[in-house]
Amino acid sequence: MKVGTLVLTAALLLPSIAAAMGCSGREHQVQSCAAGTTWDANSQSCVKIVNS
């Protein structure tokens, strides 16, 4: 019984630990933008690269 309890506890805690370490959420997804654009984290969209 103790092994089963340990396995169940680990299965319940591991996703929480991963989320606390920053392994989930939209801000960590890789975003691909078209050529001539780059990802803007503030607007959460691709924006045109302006050379000044």
N, C-alpha and C. Protein backbone atom coordinates (compact mmCIF):
# COMPACT_ATOMS: atom_id res chain seq x y z
N MET A 1 0.81 -1.20 0.00
CA MET A 1 0.00 0.00 0.00
C MET A 1 0.85 1.26 0.00
N LYS A 2 1.97 1.27 0.71
CA LYS A 2 2.79 2.47 0.79
C LYS A 2 3.38 2.83 -0.56
N VAL A 3 3.74 1.86 -1.37
CA VAL A 3 4.28 2.15 -2.70
C VAL A 3 3.21 2.79 -3.57
N GLY A 4 2.00 2.28 -3.50
CA GLY A 4 0.89 2.85 -4.26
C GLY A 4 0.60 4.29 -3.84
N THR A 5 0.67 4.55 -2.56
CA THR A 5 0.45 5.91 -2.07
C THR A 5 1.55 6.84 -2.56
N LEU A 6 2.78 6.36 -2.56
CA LEU A 6 3.91 7.16 -3.04
C LEU A 6 3.75 7.48 -4.52
N VAL A 7 3.37 6.50 -5.31
CA VAL A 7 3.18 6.70 -6.75
C VAL A 7 2.04 7.69 -7.00
N LEU A 8 0.96 7.55 -6.28
CA LEU A 8 -0.17 8.46 -6.44
C LEU A 8 0.22 9.88 -6.06
N THR A 9 0.94 10.04 -4.98
CA THR A 9 1.38 11.36 -4.54
C THR A 9 2.29 12.00 -5.59
N ALA A 10 3.22 11.23 -6.12
CA ALA A 10 4.13 11.74 -7.15
C ALA A 10 3.36 12.15 -8.40
N ALA A 11 2.39 11.33 -8.79
CA ALA A 11 1.60 11.64 -9.98
C ALA A 11 0.79 12.92 -9.81
N LEU A 12 0.37 13.20 -8.60
CA LEU A 12 -0.40 14.41 -8.35
C LEU A 12 0.49 15.65 -8.20
N LEU A 13 1.69 15.47 -7.68
CA LEU A 13 2.57 16.61 -7.43
C LEU A 13 3.40 17.04 -8.63
N LEU A 14 3.81 16.11 -9.48
CA LEU A 14 4.71 16.46 -10.58
C LEU A 14 4.17 17.54 -11.51
N PRO A 15 2.90 17.51 -11.92
CA PRO A 15 2.41 18.59 -12.78
C PRO A 15 2.45 19.96 -12.07
N SER A 16 2.18 19.97 -10.78
CA SER A 16 2.22 21.22 -10.03
C SER A 16 3.64 21.77 -9.95
N ILE A 17 4.60 20.89 -9.74
CA ILE A 17 6.00 21.31 -9.68
C ILE A 17 6.44 21.84 -11.03
N ALA A 18 6.07 21.17 -12.11
CA ALA A 18 6.44 21.63 -13.45
C ALA A 18 5.83 23.00 -13.74
N ALA A 19 4.59 23.22 -13.35
CA ALA A 19 3.95 24.51 -13.57
C ALA A 19 4.64 25.60 -12.75
N ALA A 20 5.02 25.29 -11.53
CA ALA A 20 5.70 26.26 -10.67
C ALA A 20 7.06 26.63 -11.23
N MET A 21 7.68 25.72 -11.96
CA MET A 21 8.99 25.99 -12.55
C MET A 21 8.88 26.71 -13.88
N GLY A 22 7.67 27.00 -14.31
CA GLY A 22 7.50 27.76 -15.54
C GLY A 22 7.41 26.91 -16.79
N CYS A 23 6.98 25.70 -16.68
CA CYS A 23 6.91 24.81 -17.84
C CYS A 23 5.54 24.80 -18.49
N SER A 24 4.71 25.72 -18.16
CA SER A 24 3.41 25.78 -18.79
C SER A 24 3.03 27.23 -19.00
N GLY A 25 2.01 27.44 -19.75
CA GLY A 25 1.55 28.79 -19.99
C GLY A 25 1.88 29.26 -21.39
N ARG A 26 1.08 30.19 -21.86
CA ARG A 26 1.20 30.68 -23.23
C ARG A 26 2.51 31.42 -23.46
N GLU A 27 3.02 32.11 -22.45
CA GLU A 27 4.22 32.92 -22.64
C GLU A 27 5.46 32.10 -22.93
N HIS A 28 5.40 30.78 -22.80
CA HIS A 28 6.55 29.95 -23.05
C HIS A 28 6.44 29.16 -24.34
N GLN A 29 5.45 29.43 -25.11
CA GLN A 29 5.30 28.73 -26.38
C GLN A 29 6.19 29.39 -27.42
N VAL A 30 6.69 28.59 -28.34
CA VAL A 30 7.51 29.12 -29.42
C VAL A 30 6.59 29.67 -30.48
N GLN A 31 6.85 30.89 -30.90
CA GLN A 31 6.02 31.54 -31.92
C GLN A 31 6.85 31.72 -33.18
N SER A 32 6.31 31.35 -34.32
CA SER A 32 6.97 31.56 -35.59
C SER A 32 6.30 32.71 -36.31
N CYS A 33 7.12 33.63 -36.79
CA CYS A 33 6.61 34.78 -37.52
C CYS A 33 7.16 34.74 -38.94
N ALA A 34 6.45 35.37 -39.85
CA ALA A 34 6.86 35.43 -41.25
C ALA A 34 8.14 36.24 -41.38
N ALA A 35 8.82 36.06 -42.49
CA ALA A 35 10.04 36.81 -42.76
C ALA A 35 9.73 38.31 -42.72
N GLY A 36 10.60 39.07 -42.08
CA GLY A 36 10.40 40.51 -41.97
C GLY A 36 9.57 40.93 -40.78
N THR A 37 9.19 39.94 -39.96
CA THR A 37 8.43 40.23 -38.75
C THR A 37 9.09 39.55 -37.56
N THR A 38 8.75 40.00 -36.39
CA THR A 38 9.27 39.40 -35.17
C THR A 38 8.16 39.34 -34.13
N TRP A 39 8.32 38.50 -33.13
CA TRP A 39 7.32 38.32 -32.08
C TRP A 39 7.39 39.46 -31.08
N ASP A 40 6.26 40.09 -30.81
CA ASP A 40 6.16 41.14 -29.80
C ASP A 40 5.39 40.58 -28.61
N ALA A 41 6.09 40.42 -27.48
CA ALA A 41 5.48 39.82 -26.30
C ALA A 41 4.37 40.69 -25.73
N ASN A 42 4.48 42.00 -25.86
CA ASN A 42 3.45 42.89 -25.30
C ASN A 42 2.11 42.73 -26.02
N SER A 43 2.16 42.70 -27.35
CA SER A 43 0.91 42.59 -28.10
C SER A 43 0.54 41.14 -28.39
N GLN A 44 1.49 40.20 -28.06
CA GLN A 44 1.26 38.77 -28.31
C GLN A 44 0.95 38.51 -29.78
N SER A 45 1.72 39.18 -30.68
CA SER A 45 1.52 38.99 -32.11
C SER A 45 2.81 39.30 -32.85
N CYS A 46 2.84 38.95 -34.14
CA CYS A 46 3.99 39.26 -34.98
C CYS A 46 3.87 40.71 -35.44
N VAL A 47 4.98 41.42 -35.39
CA VAL A 47 4.99 42.82 -35.84
C VAL A 47 6.11 42.99 -36.86
N LYS A 48 5.92 43.96 -37.77
CA LYS A 48 6.89 44.22 -38.81
C LYS A 48 8.17 44.80 -38.21
N ILE A 49 9.32 44.32 -38.69
CA ILE A 49 10.60 44.83 -38.24
C ILE A 49 10.87 46.15 -38.94
N VAL A 50 11.13 47.18 -38.16
CA VAL A 50 11.39 48.50 -38.71
C VAL A 50 12.87 48.80 -38.55
N ASN A 51 13.55 49.01 -39.68
CA ASN A 51 14.97 49.37 -39.65
C ASN A 51 15.07 50.90 -39.61
N SER A 52 15.69 51.41 -38.56
CA SER A 52 15.80 52.87 -38.49
C SER A 52 17.24 53.32 -38.43
